[in-house]
Amino acid sequence: MDRKTQLEIARKGGRAAHQSGNAHEFTPDEARAAGRRGGQVVSRDRQHMAEIGRRGGEAAHARGTAHEWNEKEAAEAGRRGGRQAQTSGSRTQAARTTAGRSRSTRRSRGSV
């Protein structure tokens, strides 16, 4: 069955369910939770999210509404991103290696 036919059948079923009173009516909380779950699933696909961002940026530039970063703003954003990565539990390979050693071993190598 092609996609168009499948959608038409589903549409008719949905209308019939609403008319007969059997359709599920989402509460705002249910809808919010469902949207959150869907967003979490979609955002796991990093390549897809990058493509969405790229297209949005291209559209903003085409409209002339994109933010143009100056050198100072870019440097500050980079610092904020670096601090956030350090505090969010994301560690570099060196930090993971150091964390696995005992405290006395780290001191003997000159790092605290």
PDB file of N, CA and C in Angstrom:
ATOM      1  N   MET A   1       0.856  -1.176   0.000  1.00  0.00           N
ATOM      2  CA  MET A   1       0.000   0.000   0.000  1.00  0.00           C
ATOM      3  C   MET A   1       0.902   1.238   0.000  1.00  0.00           C
ATOM      4  N   ASP A   2       0.618   2.181  -0.852  1.00  0.00           N
ATOM      5  CA  ASP A   2       1.457   3.378  -0.906  1.00  0.00           C
ATOM      6  C   ASP A   2       1.131   4.306   0.264  1.00  0.00           C
ATOM      7  N   ARG A   3       2.022   5.209   0.524  1.00  0.00           N
ATOM      8  CA  ARG A   3       1.915   6.118   1.684  1.00  0.00           C
ATOM      9  C   ARG A   3       0.650   6.968   1.624  1.00  0.00           C
ATOM     10  N   LYS A   4       0.310   7.462   0.464  1.00  0.00           N
ATOM     11  CA  LYS A   4      -0.860   8.328   0.321  1.00  0.00           C
ATOM     12  C   LYS A   4      -2.150   7.584   0.699  1.00  0.00           C
ATOM     13  N   THR A   5      -2.292   6.353   0.244  1.00  0.00           N
ATOM     14  CA  THR A   5      -3.472   5.546   0.561  1.00  0.00           C
ATOM     15  C   THR A   5      -3.528   5.237   2.051  1.00  0.00           C
ATOM     16  N   GLN A   6      -2.384   4.928   2.629  1.00  0.00           N
ATOM     17  CA  GLN A   6      -2.314   4.623   4.056  1.00  0.00           C
ATOM     18  C   GLN A   6      -2.748   5.829   4.885  1.00  0.00           C
ATOM     19  N   LEU A   7      -2.265   7.013   4.540  1.00  0.00           N
ATOM     20  CA  LEU A   7      -2.641   8.227   5.265  1.00  0.00           C
ATOM     21  C   LEU A   7      -4.129   8.529   5.134  1.00  0.00           C
ATOM     22  N   GLU A   8      -4.677   8.304   3.968  1.00  0.00           N
ATOM     23  CA  GLU A   8      -6.108   8.559   3.761  1.00  0.00           C
ATOM     24  C   GLU A   8      -6.957   7.628   4.622  1.00  0.00           C
ATOM     25  N   ILE A   9      -6.581   6.367   4.711  1.00  0.00           N
ATOM     26  CA  ILE A   9      -7.306   5.412   5.549  1.00  0.00           C
ATOM     27  C   ILE A   9      -7.214   5.824   7.024  1.00  0.00           C
ATOM     28  N   ALA A  10      -6.021   6.193   7.454  1.00  0.00           N
ATOM     29  CA  ALA A  10      -5.832   6.619   8.844  1.00  0.00           C
ATOM     30  C   ALA A  10      -6.652   7.868   9.145  1.00  0.00           C
ATOM     31  N   ARG A  11      -6.678   8.805   8.216  1.00  0.00           N
ATOM     32  CA  ARG A  11      -7.448  10.046   8.384  1.00  0.00           C
ATOM     33  C   ARG A  11      -8.937   9.731   8.572  1.00  0.00           C
ATOM     34  N   LYS A  12      -9.456   8.833   7.746  1.00  0.00           N
ATOM     35  CA  LYS A  12     -10.868   8.450   7.854  1.00  0.00           C
ATOM     36  C   LYS A  12     -11.144   7.769   9.194  1.00  0.00           C
ATOM     37  N   GLY A  13     -10.224   6.920   9.631  1.00  0.00           N
ATOM     38  CA  GLY A  13     -10.379   6.256  10.924  1.00  0.00           C
ATOM     39  C   GLY A  13     -10.388   7.237  12.074  1.00  0.00           C
ATOM     40  N   GLY A  14      -9.533   8.230  11.999  1.00  0.00           N
ATOM     41  CA  GLY A  14      -9.480   9.255  13.045  1.00  0.00           C
ATOM     42  C   GLY A  14     -10.761  10.061  13.108  1.00  0.00           C
ATOM     43  N   ARG A  15     -11.271  10.434  11.949  1.00  0.00           N
ATOM     44  CA  ARG A  15     -12.529  11.192  11.913  1.00  0.00           C
ATOM     45  C   ARG A  15     -13.682  10.364  12.478  1.00  0.00           C
ATOM     46  N   ALA A  16     -13.746   9.089  12.105  1.00  0.00           N
ATOM     47  CA  ALA A  16     -14.812   8.207  12.590  1.00  0.00           C
ATOM     48  C   ALA A  16     -14.728   8.037  14.107  1.00  0.00           C
ATOM     49  N   ALA A  17     -13.513   7.904  14.637  1.00  0.00           N
ATOM     50  CA  ALA A  17     -13.337   7.753  16.086  1.00  0.00           C
ATOM     51  C   ALA A  17     -13.823   8.996  16.822  1.00  0.00           C
ATOM     52  N   HIS A  18     -13.516  10.160  16.292  1.00  0.00           N
ATOM     53  CA  HIS A  18     -13.977  11.404  16.922  1.00  0.00           C
ATOM     54  C   HIS A  18     -15.496  11.513  16.870  1.00  0.00           C
ATOM     55  N   GLN A  19     -16.088  11.178  15.746  1.00  0.00           N
ATOM     56  CA  GLN A  19     -17.543  11.271  15.603  1.00  0.00           C
ATOM     57  C   GLN A  19     -18.266  10.306  16.531  1.00  0.00           C
ATOM     58  N   SER A  20     -17.686   9.126  16.755  1.00  0.00           N
ATOM     59  CA  SER A  20     -18.342   8.142  17.620  1.00  0.00           C
ATOM     60  C   SER A  20     -18.018   8.368  19.097  1.00  0.00           C
ATOM     61  N   GLY A  21     -17.090   9.288  19.387  1.00  0.00           N
ATOM     62  CA  GLY A  21     -16.727   9.562  20.779  1.00  0.00           C
ATOM     63  C   GLY A  21     -15.684   8.617  21.339  1.00  0.00           C
ATOM     64  N   ASN A  22     -15.053   7.826  20.506  1.00  0.00           N
ATOM     65  CA  ASN A  22     -14.051   6.866  20.972  1.00  0.00           C
ATOM     66  C   ASN A  22     -12.607   7.365  20.855  1.00  0.00           C
ATOM     67  N   ALA A  23     -12.415   8.532  20.300  1.00  0.00           N
ATOM     68  CA  ALA A  23     -11.054   9.046  20.099  1.00  0.00           C
ATOM     69  C   ALA A  23     -10.465   9.513  21.431  1.00  0.00           C
ATOM     70  N   HIS A  24      -9.167   9.323  21.582  1.00  0.00           N
ATOM     71  CA  HIS A  24      -8.485   9.784  22.795  1.00  0.00           C
ATOM     72  C   HIS A  24      -8.241  11.282  22.694  1.00  0.00           C
ATOM     73  N   GLU A  25      -8.626  12.005  23.713  1.00  0.00           N
ATOM     74  CA  GLU A  25      -8.365  13.449  23.770  1.00  0.00           C
ATOM     75  C   GLU A  25      -7.203  13.668  24.734  1.00  0.00           C
ATOM     76  N   PHE A  26      -6.094  14.183  24.230  1.00  0.00           N
ATOM     77  CA  PHE A  26      -4.924  14.413  25.063  1.00  0.00           C
ATOM     78  C   PHE A  26      -5.148  15.596  25.997  1.00  0.00           C
ATOM     79  N   THR A  27      -4.730  15.439  27.247  1.00  0.00           N
ATOM     80  CA  THR A  27      -4.694  16.573  28.160  1.00  0.00           C
ATOM     81  C   THR A  27      -3.416  17.343  27.842  1.00  0.00           C
ATOM     82  N   PRO A  28      -3.324  18.595  28.283  1.00  0.00           N
ATOM     83  CA  PRO A  28      -2.073  19.332  28.039  1.00  0.00           C
ATOM     84  C   PRO A  28      -0.842  18.610  28.603  1.00  0.00           C
ATOM     85  N   ASP A  29      -0.970  17.990  29.767  1.00  0.00           N
ATOM     86  CA  ASP A  29       0.169  17.280  30.358  1.00  0.00           C
ATOM     87  C   ASP A  29       0.568  16.059  29.522  1.00  0.00           C
ATOM     88  N   GLU A  30      -0.425  15.312  29.030  1.00  0.00           N
ATOM     89  CA  GLU A  30      -0.129  14.156  28.178  1.00  0.00           C
ATOM     90  C   GLU A  30       0.547  14.596  26.879  1.00  0.00           C
ATOM     91  N   ALA A  31       0.042  15.669  26.309  1.00  0.00           N
ATOM     92  CA  ALA A  31       0.616  16.168  25.059  1.00  0.00           C
ATOM     93  C   ALA A  31       2.049  16.642  25.280  1.00  0.00           C
ATOM     94  N   ARG A  32       2.288  17.320  26.398  1.00  0.00           N
ATOM     95  CA  ARG A  32       3.629  17.817  26.724  1.00  0.00           C
ATOM     96  C   ARG A  32       4.600  16.646  26.882  1.00  0.00           C
ATOM     97  N   ALA A  33       4.165  15.609  27.604  1.00  0.00           N
ATOM     98  CA  ALA A  33       5.023  14.439  27.820  1.00  0.00           C
ATOM     99  C   ALA A  33       5.317  13.726  26.499  1.00  0.00           C
ATOM    100  N   ALA A  34       4.304  13.591  25.649  1.00  0.00           N
ATOM    101  CA  ALA A  34       4.513  12.939  24.357  1.00  0.00           C
ATOM    102  C   ALA A  34       5.471  13.747  23.486  1.00  0.00           C
ATOM    103  N   GLY A  35       5.328  15.046  23.492  1.00  0.00           N
ATOM    104  CA  GLY A  35       6.234  15.901  22.727  1.00  0.00           C
ATOM    105  C   GLY A  35       7.655  15.814  23.233  1.00  0.00           C
ATOM    106  N   ARG A  36       7.814  15.750  24.548  1.00  0.00           N
ATOM    107  CA  ARG A  36       9.149  15.639  25.141  1.00  0.00           C
ATOM    108  C   ARG A  36       9.808  14.323  24.713  1.00  0.00           C
ATOM    109  N   ARG A  37       9.031  13.217  24.770  1.00  0.00           N
ATOM    110  CA  ARG A  37       9.589  11.921  24.359  1.00  0.00           C
ATOM    111  C   ARG A  37       9.992  11.949  22.887  1.00  0.00           C
ATOM    112  N   GLY A  38       9.151  12.525  22.053  1.00  0.00           N
ATOM    113  CA  GLY A  38       9.477  12.610  20.632  1.00  0.00           C
ATOM    114  C   GLY A  38      10.715  13.450  20.387  1.00  0.00           C
ATOM    115  N   GLY A  39      10.833  14.562  21.101  1.00  0.00           N
ATOM    116  CA  GLY A  39      12.007  15.414  20.963  1.00  0.00           C
ATOM    117  C   GLY A  39      13.278  14.721  21.396  1.00  0.00           C
ATOM    118  N   GLN A  40      13.200  13.934  22.461  1.00  0.00           N
ATOM    119  CA  GLN A  40      14.377  13.202  22.929  1.00  0.00           C
ATOM    120  C   GLN A  40      14.822  12.164  21.902  1.00  0.00           C
ATOM    121  N   VAL A  41      13.872  11.498  21.286  1.00  0.00           N
ATOM    122  CA  VAL A  41      14.206  10.488  20.278  1.00  0.00           C
ATOM    123  C   VAL A  41      14.870  11.147  19.074  1.00  0.00           C
ATOM    124  N   VAL A  42      14.294  12.238  18.594  1.00  0.00           N
ATOM    125  CA  VAL A  42      14.829  12.917  17.414  1.00  0.00           C
ATOM    126  C   VAL A  42      16.204  13.501  17.710  1.00  0.00           C
ATOM    127  N   SER A  43      16.387  14.084  18.899  1.00  0.00           N
ATOM    128  CA  SER A  43      17.649  14.757  19.194  1.00  0.00           C
ATOM    129  C   SER A  43      18.811  13.788  19.385  1.00  0.00           C
ATOM    130  N   ARG A  44      18.560  12.494  19.512  1.00  0.00           N
ATOM    131  CA  ARG A  44      19.655  11.524  19.604  1.00  0.00           C
ATOM    132  C   ARG A  44      20.400  11.399  18.278  1.00  0.00           C
ATOM    133  N   ASP A  45      19.739  11.724  17.199  1.00  0.00           N
ATOM    134  CA  ASP A  45      20.343  11.630  15.872  1.00  0.00           C
ATOM    135  C   ASP A  45      21.123  12.920  15.601  1.00  0.00           C
ATOM    136  N   ARG A  46      22.409  12.928  15.952  1.00  0.00           N
ATOM    137  CA  ARG A  46      23.234  14.133  15.869  1.00  0.00           C
ATOM    138  C   ARG A  46      23.336  14.661  14.432  1.00  0.00           C
ATOM    139  N   GLN A  47      23.424  13.750  13.474  1.00  0.00           N
ATOM    140  CA  GLN A  47      23.539  14.171  12.080  1.00  0.00           C
ATOM    141  C   GLN A  47      22.268  14.903  11.638  1.00  0.00           C
ATOM    142  N   HIS A  48      21.110  14.377  12.043  1.00  0.00           N
ATOM    143  CA  HIS A  48      19.836  15.013  11.710  1.00  0.00           C
ATOM    144  C   HIS A  48      19.744  16.401  12.344  1.00  0.00           C
ATOM    145  N   MET A  49      20.143  16.510  13.615  1.00  0.00           N
ATOM    146  CA  MET A  49      20.078  17.793  14.314  1.00  0.00           C
ATOM    147  C   MET A  49      21.033  18.805  13.672  1.00  0.00           C
ATOM    148  N   ALA A  50      22.211  18.341  13.250  1.00  0.00           N
ATOM    149  CA  ALA A  50      23.159  19.236  12.596  1.00  0.00           C
ATOM    150  C   ALA A  50      22.582  19.760  11.285  1.00  0.00           C
ATOM    151  N   GLU A  51      21.914  18.899  10.542  1.00  0.00           N
ATOM    152  CA  GLU A  51      21.309  19.307   9.270  1.00  0.00           C
ATOM    153  C   GLU A  51      20.199  20.332   9.503  1.00  0.00           C
ATOM    154  N   ILE A  52      19.383  20.120  10.522  1.00  0.00           N
ATOM    155  CA  ILE A  52      18.322  21.077  10.849  1.00  0.00           C
ATOM    156  C   ILE A  52      18.930  22.442  11.166  1.00  0.00           C
ATOM    157  N   GLY A  53      19.970  22.443  12.004  1.00  0.00           N
ATOM    158  CA  GLY A  53      20.626  23.695  12.368  1.00  0.00           C
ATOM    159  C   GLY A  53      21.258  24.383  11.175  1.00  0.00           C
ATOM    160  N   ARG A  54      21.864  23.595  10.313  1.00  0.00           N
ATOM    161  CA  ARG A  54      22.513  24.149   9.122  1.00  0.00           C
ATOM    162  C   ARG A  54      21.478  24.833   8.223  1.00  0.00           C
ATOM    163  N   ARG A  55      20.345  24.142   8.014  1.00  0.00           N
ATOM    164  CA  ARG A  55      19.298  24.721   7.158  1.00  0.00           C
ATOM    165  C   ARG A  55      18.717  25.987   7.778  1.00  0.00           C
ATOM    166  N   GLY A  56      18.536  25.979   9.093  1.00  0.00           N
ATOM    167  CA  GLY A  56      18.028  27.174   9.764  1.00  0.00           C
ATOM    168  C   GLY A  56      18.983  28.348   9.633  1.00  0.00           C
ATOM    169  N   GLY A  57      20.269  28.070   9.779  1.00  0.00           N
ATOM    170  CA  GLY A  57      21.270  29.123   9.637  1.00  0.00           C
ATOM    171  C   GLY A  57      21.316  29.682   8.224  1.00  0.00           C
ATOM    172  N   GLU A  58      21.231  28.778   7.254  1.00  0.00           N
ATOM    173  CA  GLU A  58      21.234  29.233   5.855  1.00  0.00           C
ATOM    174  C   GLU A  58      20.011  30.096   5.561  1.00  0.00           C
ATOM    175  N   ALA A  59      18.850  29.706   6.099  1.00  0.00           N
ATOM    176  CA  ALA A  59      17.627  30.479   5.879  1.00  0.00           C
ATOM    177  C   ALA A  59      17.736  31.854   6.535  1.00  0.00           C
ATOM    178  N   ALA A  60      18.296  31.896   7.742  1.00  0.00           N
ATOM    179  CA  ALA A  60      18.443  33.176   8.437  1.00  0.00           C
ATOM    180  C   ALA A  60      19.392  34.103   7.671  1.00  0.00           C
ATOM    181  N   HIS A  61      20.461  33.540   7.146  1.00  0.00           N
ATOM    182  CA  HIS A  61      21.389  34.360   6.361  1.00  0.00           C
ATOM    183  C   HIS A  61      20.719  34.863   5.082  1.00  0.00           C
ATOM    184  N   ALA A  62      19.933  34.007   4.447  1.00  0.00           N
ATOM    185  CA  ALA A  62      19.236  34.404   3.220  1.00  0.00           C
ATOM    186  C   ALA A  62      18.240  35.535   3.495  1.00  0.00           C
ATOM    187  N   ARG A  63      17.578  35.485   4.667  1.00  0.00           N
ATOM    188  CA  ARG A  63      16.627  36.546   5.038  1.00  0.00           C
ATOM    189  C   ARG A  63      17.327  37.796   5.540  1.00  0.00           C
ATOM    190  N   GLY A  64      18.590  37.658   5.923  1.00  0.00           N
ATOM    191  CA  GLY A  64      19.322  38.791   6.483  1.00  0.00           C
ATOM    192  C   GLY A  64      19.069  38.977   7.971  1.00  0.00           C
ATOM    193  N   THR A  65      18.553  37.929   8.637  1.00  0.00           N
ATOM    194  CA  THR A  65      18.255  38.039  10.068  1.00  0.00           C
ATOM    195  C   THR A  65      19.243  37.262  10.938  1.00  0.00           C
ATOM    196  N   ALA A  66      20.273  36.695  10.341  1.00  0.00           N
ATOM    197  CA  ALA A  66      21.244  35.904  11.103  1.00  0.00           C
ATOM    198  C   ALA A  66      22.130  36.825  11.933  1.00  0.00           C
ATOM    199  N   HIS A  67      22.524  36.343  13.099  1.00  0.00           N
ATOM    200  CA  HIS A  67      23.431  37.100  13.957  1.00  0.00           C
ATOM    201  C   HIS A  67      24.842  36.973  13.406  1.00  0.00           C
ATOM    202  N   GLU A  68      25.500  38.074  13.240  1.00  0.00           N
ATOM    203  CA  GLU A  68      26.886  38.066  12.787  1.00  0.00           C
ATOM    204  C   GLU A  68      27.779  38.252  14.008  1.00  0.00           C
ATOM    205  N   TRP A  69      28.560  37.225  14.337  1.00  0.00           N
ATOM    206  CA  TRP A  69      29.406  37.252  15.520  1.00  0.00           C
ATOM    207  C   TRP A  69      30.623  38.136  15.290  1.00  0.00           C
ATOM    208  N   ASN A  70      30.966  38.949  16.291  1.00  0.00           N
ATOM    209  CA  ASN A  70      32.250  39.639  16.231  1.00  0.00           C
ATOM    210  C   ASN A  70      33.252  38.792  17.023  1.00  0.00           C
ATOM    211  N   GLU A  71      34.513  39.151  16.943  1.00  0.00           N
ATOM    212  CA  GLU A  71      35.565  38.337  17.552  1.00  0.00           C
ATOM    213  C   GLU A  71      35.389  38.206  19.064  1.00  0.00           C
ATOM    214  N   LYS A  72      34.993  39.281  19.719  1.00  0.00           N
ATOM    215  CA  LYS A  72      34.832  39.278  21.170  1.00  0.00           C
ATOM    216  C   LYS A  72      33.672  38.354  21.594  1.00  0.00           C
ATOM    217  N   GLU A  73      32.554  38.429  20.893  1.00  0.00           N
ATOM    218  CA  GLU A  73      31.403  37.572  21.203  1.00  0.00           C
ATOM    219  C   GLU A  73      31.742  36.094  21.006  1.00  0.00           C
ATOM    220  N   ALA A  74      32.441  35.790  19.925  1.00  0.00           N
ATOM    221  CA  ALA A  74      32.801  34.404  19.629  1.00  0.00           C
ATOM    222  C   ALA A  74      33.728  33.853  20.708  1.00  0.00           C
ATOM    223  N   ALA A  75      34.692  34.651  21.145  1.00  0.00           N
ATOM    224  CA  ALA A  75      35.618  34.208  22.184  1.00  0.00           C
ATOM    225  C   ALA A  75      34.873  33.941  23.493  1.00  0.00           C
ATOM    226  N   GLU A  76      33.945  34.818  23.861  1.00  0.00           N
ATOM    227  CA  GLU A  76      33.184  34.634  25.100  1.00  0.00           C
ATOM    228  C   GLU A  76      32.295  33.396  25.014  1.00  0.00           C
ATOM    229  N   ALA A  77      31.658  33.177  23.881  1.00  0.00           N
ATOM    230  CA  ALA A  77      30.821  31.992  23.703  1.00  0.00           C
ATOM    231  C   ALA A  77      31.665  30.717  23.820  1.00  0.00           C
ATOM    232  N   GLY A  78      32.858  30.746  23.280  1.00  0.00           N
ATOM    233  CA  GLY A  78      33.755  29.603  23.390  1.00  0.00           C
ATOM    234  C   GLY A  78      34.155  29.334  24.828  1.00  0.00           C
ATOM    235  N   ARG A  79      34.422  30.387  25.587  1.00  0.00           N
ATOM    236  CA  ARG A  79      34.765  30.227  27.010  1.00  0.00           C
ATOM    237  C   ARG A  79      33.587  29.641  27.779  1.00  0.00           C
ATOM    238  N   ARG A  80      32.382  30.159  27.514  1.00  0.00           N
ATOM    239  CA  ARG A  80      31.195  29.635  28.213  1.00  0.00           C
ATOM    240  C   ARG A  80      30.983  28.163  27.878  1.00  0.00           C
ATOM    241  N   GLY A  81      31.151  27.805  26.617  1.00  0.00           N
ATOM    242  CA  GLY A  81      30.992  26.411  26.217  1.00  0.00           C
ATOM    243  C   GLY A  81      32.017  25.522  26.886  1.00  0.00           C
ATOM    244  N   GLY A  82      33.235  25.992  26.989  1.00  0.00           N
ATOM    245  CA  GLY A  82      34.283  25.214  27.648  1.00  0.00           C
ATOM    246  C   GLY A  82      34.003  25.024  29.124  1.00  0.00           C
ATOM    247  N   ARG A  83      33.541  26.082  29.795  1.00  0.00           N
ATOM    248  CA  ARG A  83      33.208  25.967  31.224  1.00  0.00           C
ATOM    249  C   ARG A  83      32.036  25.008  31.423  1.00  0.00           C
ATOM    250  N   GLN A  84      31.057  25.080  30.555  1.00  0.00           N
ATOM    251  CA  GLN A  84      29.895  24.210  30.681  1.00  0.00           C
ATOM    252  C   GLN A  84      30.307  22.754  30.499  1.00  0.00           C
ATOM    253  N   ALA A  85      31.176  22.475  29.546  1.00  0.00           N
ATOM    254  CA  ALA A  85      31.628  21.104  29.318  1.00  0.00           C
ATOM    255  C   ALA A  85      32.376  20.582  30.536  1.00  0.00           C
ATOM    256  N   GLN A  86      33.133  21.459  31.211  1.00  0.00           N
ATOM    257  CA  GLN A  86      33.887  21.042  32.394  1.00  0.00           C
ATOM    258  C   GLN A  86      32.975  20.726  33.567  1.00  0.00           C
ATOM    259  N   THR A  87      31.879  21.457  33.703  1.00  0.00           N
ATOM    260  CA  THR A  87      31.009  21.266  34.861  1.00  0.00           C
ATOM    261  C   THR A  87      29.896  20.265  34.626  1.00  0.00           C
ATOM    262  N   SER A  88      29.653  19.860  33.370  1.00  0.00           N
ATOM    263  CA  SER A  88      28.530  18.967  33.094  1.00  0.00           C
ATOM    264  C   SER A  88      28.906  17.497  33.184  1.00  0.00           C
ATOM    265  N   GLY A  89      30.089  17.200  33.669  1.00  0.00           N
ATOM    266  CA  GLY A  89      30.477  15.804  33.797  1.00  0.00           C
ATOM    267  C   GLY A  89      31.169  15.270  32.561  1.00  0.00           C
ATOM    268  N   SER A  90      31.304  16.089  31.543  1.00  0.00           N
ATOM    269  CA  SER A  90      31.990  15.673  30.339  1.00  0.00           C
ATOM    270  C   SER A  90      33.474  15.908  30.552  1.00  0.00           C
ATOM    271  N   ARG A  91      34.252  14.824  30.572  1.00  0.00           N
ATOM    272  CA  ARG A  91      35.676  14.975  30.836  1.00  0.00           C
ATOM    273  C   ARG A  91      36.494  14.555  29.624  1.00  0.00           C
ATOM    274  N   THR A  92      37.646  15.158  29.507  1.00  0.00           N
ATOM    275  CA  THR A  92      38.558  14.794  28.432  1.00  0.00           C
ATOM    276  C   THR A  92      39.209  13.460  28.765  1.00  0.00           C
ATOM    277  N   GLN A  93      39.901  12.878  27.806  1.00  0.00           N
ATOM    278  CA  GLN A  93      40.604  11.616  28.037  1.00  0.00           C
ATOM    279  C   GLN A  93      41.620  11.775  29.159  1.00  0.00           C
ATOM    280  N   ALA A  94      42.340  12.888  29.184  1.00  0.00           N
ATOM    281  CA  ALA A  94      43.341  13.114  30.230  1.00  0.00           C
ATOM    282  C   ALA A  94      42.678  13.174  31.600  1.00  0.00           C
ATOM    283  N   ALA A  95      41.529  13.823  31.690  1.00  0.00           N
ATOM    284  CA  ALA A  95      40.828  13.916  32.970  1.00  0.00           C
ATOM    285  C   ALA A  95      40.331  12.543  33.410  1.00  0.00           C
ATOM    286  N   ARG A  96      39.843  11.732  32.472  1.00  0.00           N
ATOM    287  CA  ARG A  96      39.370  10.395  32.829  1.00  0.00           C
ATOM    288  C   ARG A  96      40.533   9.537  33.316  1.00  0.00           C
ATOM    289  N   THR A  97      41.680   9.662  32.675  1.00  0.00           N
ATOM    290  CA  THR A  97      42.858   8.892  33.066  1.00  0.00           C
ATOM    291  C   THR A  97      43.311   9.308  34.453  1.00  0.00           C
ATOM    292  N   THR A  98      43.379  10.613  34.705  1.00  0.00           N
ATOM    293  CA  THR A  98      43.811  11.127  35.995  1.00  0.00           C
ATOM    294  C   THR A  98      42.842  10.720  37.094  1.00  0.00           C
ATOM    295  N   ALA A  99      41.541  10.752  36.801  1.00  0.00           N
ATOM    296  CA  ALA A  99      40.541  10.408  37.800  1.00  0.00           C
ATOM    297  C   ALA A  99      40.649   8.949  38.214  1.00  0.00           C
ATOM    298  N   GLY A 100      41.169   8.095  37.343  1.00  0.00           N
ATOM    299  CA  GLY A 100      41.287   6.682  37.654  1.00  0.00           C
ATOM    300  C   GLY A 100      42.464   6.357  38.566  1.00  0.00           C
ATOM    301  N   ARG A 101      43.415   7.274  38.699  1.00  0.00           N
ATOM    302  CA  ARG A 101      44.588   7.044  39.545  1.00  0.00           C
ATOM    303  C   ARG A 101      44.281   7.395  40.994  1.00  0.00           C
ATOM    304  N   SER A 102      45.046   6.838  41.887  1.00  0.00           N
ATOM    305  CA  SER A 102      44.890   7.196  43.298  1.00  0.00           C
ATOM    306  C   SER A 102      45.470   8.590  43.513  1.00  0.00           C
ATOM    307  N   ARG A 103      45.078   9.228  44.594  1.00  0.00           N
ATOM    308  CA  ARG A 103      45.539  10.591  44.884  1.00  0.00           C
ATOM    309  C   ARG A 103      47.057  10.624  45.057  1.00  0.00           C
ATOM    310  N   SER A 104      47.637   9.641  45.721  1.00  0.00           N
ATOM    311  CA  SER A 104      49.086   9.646  45.944  1.00  0.00           C
ATOM    312  C   SER A 104      49.834   9.507  44.621  1.00  0.00           C
ATOM    313  N   THR A 105      49.314   8.734  43.683  1.00  0.00           N
ATOM    314  CA  THR A 105      49.955   8.577  42.377  1.00  0.00           C
ATOM    315  C   THR A 105      49.942   9.895  41.635  1.00  0.00           C
ATOM    316  N   ARG A 106      48.820  10.613  41.714  1.00  0.00           N
ATOM    317  CA  ARG A 106      48.748  11.906  41.023  1.00  0.00           C
ATOM    318  C   ARG A 106      49.738  12.893  41.627  1.00  0.00           C
ATOM    319  N   ARG A 107      49.881  12.886  42.962  1.00  0.00           N
ATOM    320  CA  ARG A 107      50.819  13.815  43.588  1.00  0.00           C
ATOM    321  C   ARG A 107      52.244  13.511  43.187  1.00  0.00           C
ATOM    322  N   SER A 108      52.579  12.219  43.110  1.00  0.00           N
ATOM    323  CA  SER A 108      53.949  11.863  42.780  1.00  0.00           C
ATOM    324  C   SER A 108      54.311  12.267  41.343  1.00  0.00           C
ATOM    325  N   ARG A 109      53.319  12.438  40.493  1.00  0.00           N
ATOM    326  CA  ARG A 109      53.594  12.854  39.113  1.00  0.00           C
ATOM    327  C   ARG A 109      53.543  14.365  38.974  1.00  0.00           C
ATOM    328  N   GLY A 110      53.307  15.068  40.048  1.00  0.00           N
ATOM    329  CA  GLY A 110      53.345  16.517  39.986  1.00  0.00           C
ATOM    330  C   GLY A 110      52.007  17.181  39.775  1.00  0.00           C
ATOM    331  N   SER A 111      50.913  16.428  39.697  1.00  0.00           N
ATOM    332  CA  SER A 111      49.599  17.065  39.534  1.00  0.00           C
ATOM    333  C   SER A 111      48.770  16.795  40.781  1.00  0.00           C
ATOM    334  N   VAL A 112      47.868  17.707  41.068  1.00  0.00           N
ATOM    335  CA  VAL A 112      47.046  17.569  42.270  1.00  0.00           C
ATOM    336  C   VAL A 112      45.612  17.320  41.896  1.00  0.00           C
TER     337      VAL A 112
END
